[in-house]
């Protein structure tokens, strides 16, 4: 996945003692995305805006807030998270890479 004509934020967003790291970009149309790495572990994220998480490398399991079903995602797959919600993501081994798009 490649983005053209973007403004990149050089300072990383660092979560969970450096086990989740992302960088942001603003596209020419004004929309924003973040992309980064999730190291082995289990992490919970809250959302203000609806999000689409696209997995670009590795594998993770996800439980959306309010759900009990666990879903597994790998490179080339995505999941959507509603606004004002959240999700728990688990990476069992290696590193999972992602691109997060903020939806209207």
C-alpha atoms as a PDB file:
ATOM      1  CA  UNK A   1       0.000   0.000   0.000  1.00  0.00           C
ATOM      2  CA  UNK A   2       1.375   3.379  -0.985  1.00  0.00           C
ATOM      3  CA  UNK A   3       0.126   6.944  -0.471  1.00  0.00           C
ATOM      4  CA  UNK A   4       0.983   9.863  -2.766  1.00  0.00           C
ATOM      5  CA  UNK A   5       0.785  13.607  -2.110  1.00  0.00           C
ATOM      6  CA  UNK A   6       0.631  13.391   1.681  1.00  0.00           C
ATOM      7  CA  UNK A   7       1.763  15.416   4.644  1.00  0.00           C
ATOM      8  CA  UNK A   8       3.473  13.106   7.124  1.00  0.00           C
ATOM      9  CA  UNK A   9       3.701  13.602  10.858  1.00  0.00           C
ATOM     10  CA  UNK A  10       7.275  12.708  11.819  1.00  0.00           C
ATOM     11  CA  UNK A  11       6.579  12.218  15.524  1.00  0.00           C
ATOM     12  CA  UNK A  12       5.291   8.733  16.252  1.00  0.00           C
ATOM     13  CA  UNK A  13       2.261   7.868  18.343  1.00  0.00           C
ATOM     14  CA  UNK A  14       3.621   5.422  20.920  1.00  0.00           C
ATOM     15  CA  UNK A  15       1.304   3.263  23.009  1.00  0.00           C
ATOM     16  CA  UNK A  16       1.688   0.476  25.569  1.00  0.00           C
ATOM     17  CA  UNK A  17       5.356   1.127  26.391  1.00  0.00           C
ATOM     18  CA  UNK A  18       6.367   1.096  22.716  1.00  0.00           C
ATOM     19  CA  UNK A  19       4.561  -2.114  21.784  1.00  0.00           C
ATOM     20  CA  UNK A  20       2.232  -0.246  19.404  1.00  0.00           C
ATOM     21  CA  UNK A  21       3.758   2.493  17.247  1.00  0.00           C
ATOM     22  CA  UNK A  22       2.061   4.492  14.493  1.00  0.00           C
ATOM     23  CA  UNK A  23       2.646   7.478  12.241  1.00  0.00           C
ATOM     24  CA  UNK A  24      -0.002   9.713  10.726  1.00  0.00           C
ATOM     25  CA  UNK A  25      -0.463  11.130   7.269  1.00  0.00           C
ATOM     26  CA  UNK A  26      -2.899  13.649   5.856  1.00  0.00           C
ATOM     27  CA  UNK A  27      -3.905  12.995   2.255  1.00  0.00           C
ATOM     28  CA  UNK A  28      -4.467  15.673  -0.396  1.00  0.00           C
ATOM     29  CA  UNK A  29      -8.255  15.455   0.148  1.00  0.00           C
ATOM     30  CA  UNK A  30      -7.793  16.263   3.854  1.00  0.00           C
ATOM     31  CA  UNK A  31      -8.521  12.756   5.144  1.00  0.00           C
ATOM     32  CA  UNK A  32      -6.134  11.200   7.635  1.00  0.00           C
ATOM     33  CA  UNK A  33      -4.694   7.749   8.139  1.00  0.00           C
ATOM     34  CA  UNK A  34      -2.321   6.187  10.597  1.00  0.00           C
ATOM     35  CA  UNK A  35      -0.105   3.204   9.946  1.00  0.00           C
ATOM     36  CA  UNK A  36       2.213   1.253  12.131  1.00  0.00           C
ATOM     37  CA  UNK A  37       3.287  -1.838  14.008  1.00  0.00           C
ATOM     38  CA  UNK A  38       1.711  -3.889  16.759  1.00  0.00           C
ATOM     39  CA  UNK A  39       4.094  -6.158  18.641  1.00  0.00           C
ATOM     40  CA  UNK A  40       3.149  -9.367  20.425  1.00  0.00           C
ATOM     41  CA  UNK A  41       0.551  -8.765  23.151  1.00  0.00           C
ATOM     42  CA  UNK A  42      -3.058  -7.811  23.824  1.00  0.00           C
ATOM     43  CA  UNK A  43      -4.202  -4.181  23.623  1.00  0.00           C
ATOM     44  CA  UNK A  44      -7.493  -2.307  23.916  1.00  0.00           C
ATOM     45  CA  UNK A  45      -8.219   0.829  21.871  1.00  0.00           C
ATOM     46  CA  UNK A  46     -11.169   3.186  22.103  1.00  0.00           C
ATOM     47  CA  UNK A  47     -12.546   5.038  19.093  1.00  0.00           C
ATOM     48  CA  UNK A  48     -14.103   8.457  18.723  1.00  0.00           C
ATOM     49  CA  UNK A  49     -14.545   8.198  14.949  1.00  0.00           C
ATOM     50  CA  UNK A  50     -15.461   5.075  13.020  1.00  0.00           C
ATOM     51  CA  UNK A  51     -12.315   3.320  11.787  1.00  0.00           C
ATOM     52  CA  UNK A  52     -11.269   0.762   9.213  1.00  0.00           C
ATOM     53  CA  UNK A  53      -8.217  -1.266  10.221  1.00  0.00           C
ATOM     54  CA  UNK A  54      -6.475  -2.834   7.232  1.00  0.00           C
ATOM     55  CA  UNK A  55      -3.913  -5.503   8.064  1.00  0.00           C
ATOM     56  CA  UNK A  56      -0.909  -5.190   5.751  1.00  0.00           C
ATOM     57  CA  UNK A  57       1.357  -7.843   7.301  1.00  0.00           C
ATOM     58  CA  UNK A  58       1.069 -10.461  10.012  1.00  0.00           C
ATOM     59  CA  UNK A  59      -1.977 -11.798  11.827  1.00  0.00           C
ATOM     60  CA  UNK A  60      -4.118 -10.589  14.718  1.00  0.00           C
ATOM     61  CA  UNK A  61      -7.305 -11.524  16.530  1.00  0.00           C
ATOM     62  CA  UNK A  62      -9.923  -8.905  17.335  1.00  0.00           C
ATOM     63  CA  UNK A  63     -12.949  -8.612  19.607  1.00  0.00           C
ATOM     64  CA  UNK A  64     -15.099  -5.520  19.085  1.00  0.00           C
ATOM     65  CA  UNK A  65     -16.491  -3.852  22.203  1.00  0.00           C
ATOM     66  CA  UNK A  66     -19.857  -5.341  23.102  1.00  0.00           C
ATOM     67  CA  UNK A  67     -19.179  -8.531  21.149  1.00  0.00           C
ATOM     68  CA  UNK A  68     -18.013 -11.930  22.302  1.00  0.00           C
ATOM     69  CA  UNK A  69     -16.978 -13.301  18.914  1.00  0.00           C
ATOM     70  CA  UNK A  70     -13.268 -13.383  18.163  1.00  0.00           C
ATOM     71  CA  UNK A  71     -12.248 -12.810  14.541  1.00  0.00           C
ATOM     72  CA  UNK A  72      -8.831 -13.426  13.018  1.00  0.00           C
ATOM     73  CA  UNK A  73      -7.407 -11.099  10.369  1.00  0.00           C
ATOM     74  CA  UNK A  74      -4.273 -11.353   8.260  1.00  0.00           C
ATOM     75  CA  UNK A  75      -2.588  -9.389   5.470  1.00  0.00           C
ATOM     76  CA  UNK A  76      -5.096  -8.182   2.896  1.00  0.00           C
ATOM     77  CA  UNK A  77      -8.066  -8.242   5.293  1.00  0.00           C
ATOM     78  CA  UNK A  78      -9.751  -5.480   7.291  1.00  0.00           C
ATOM     79  CA  UNK A  79     -12.254  -4.852  10.051  1.00  0.00           C
ATOM     80  CA  UNK A  80     -14.431  -1.845  10.844  1.00  0.00           C
ATOM     81  CA  UNK A  81     -14.940  -0.334  14.281  1.00  0.00           C
ATOM     82  CA  UNK A  82     -17.947   1.900  15.010  1.00  0.00           C
ATOM     83  CA  UNK A  83     -17.544   5.430  16.377  1.00  0.00           C
ATOM     84  CA  UNK A  84     -17.561   5.831  20.170  1.00  0.00           C
ATOM     85  CA  UNK A  85     -16.639   2.195  20.608  1.00  0.00           C
ATOM     86  CA  UNK A  86     -13.451   0.176  20.761  1.00  0.00           C
ATOM     87  CA  UNK A  87     -11.744  -3.132  20.215  1.00  0.00           C
ATOM     88  CA  UNK A  88      -9.245  -5.499  21.771  1.00  0.00           C
ATOM     89  CA  UNK A  89      -6.516  -6.654  19.415  1.00  0.00           C
ATOM     90  CA  UNK A  90      -4.155  -9.531  20.127  1.00  0.00           C
ATOM     91  CA  UNK A  91      -0.977 -10.386  18.252  1.00  0.00           C
ATOM     92  CA  UNK A  92       0.121 -13.877  19.270  1.00  0.00           C
ATOM     93  CA  UNK A  93       3.544 -13.833  17.630  1.00  0.00           C
ATOM     94  CA  UNK A  94       5.759 -11.696  15.443  1.00  0.00           C
ATOM     95  CA  UNK A  95       4.537  -8.244  14.390  1.00  0.00           C
ATOM     96  CA  UNK A  96       1.258  -7.135  12.845  1.00  0.00           C
ATOM     97  CA  UNK A  97       1.322  -4.104  10.533  1.00  0.00           C
ATOM     98  CA  UNK A  98      -1.758  -2.017   9.779  1.00  0.00           C
ATOM     99  CA  UNK A  99      -3.243   1.056   8.141  1.00  0.00           C
ATOM    100  CA  UNK A 100      -6.089   2.781   9.979  1.00  0.00           C
ATOM    101  CA  UNK A 101      -8.521   4.934   7.988  1.00  0.00           C
ATOM    102  CA  UNK A 102     -10.939   7.228   9.760  1.00  0.00           C
ATOM    103  CA  UNK A 103     -14.456   6.902   8.351  1.00  0.00           C
ATOM    104  CA  UNK A 104     -17.288   9.435   8.301  1.00  0.00           C
END
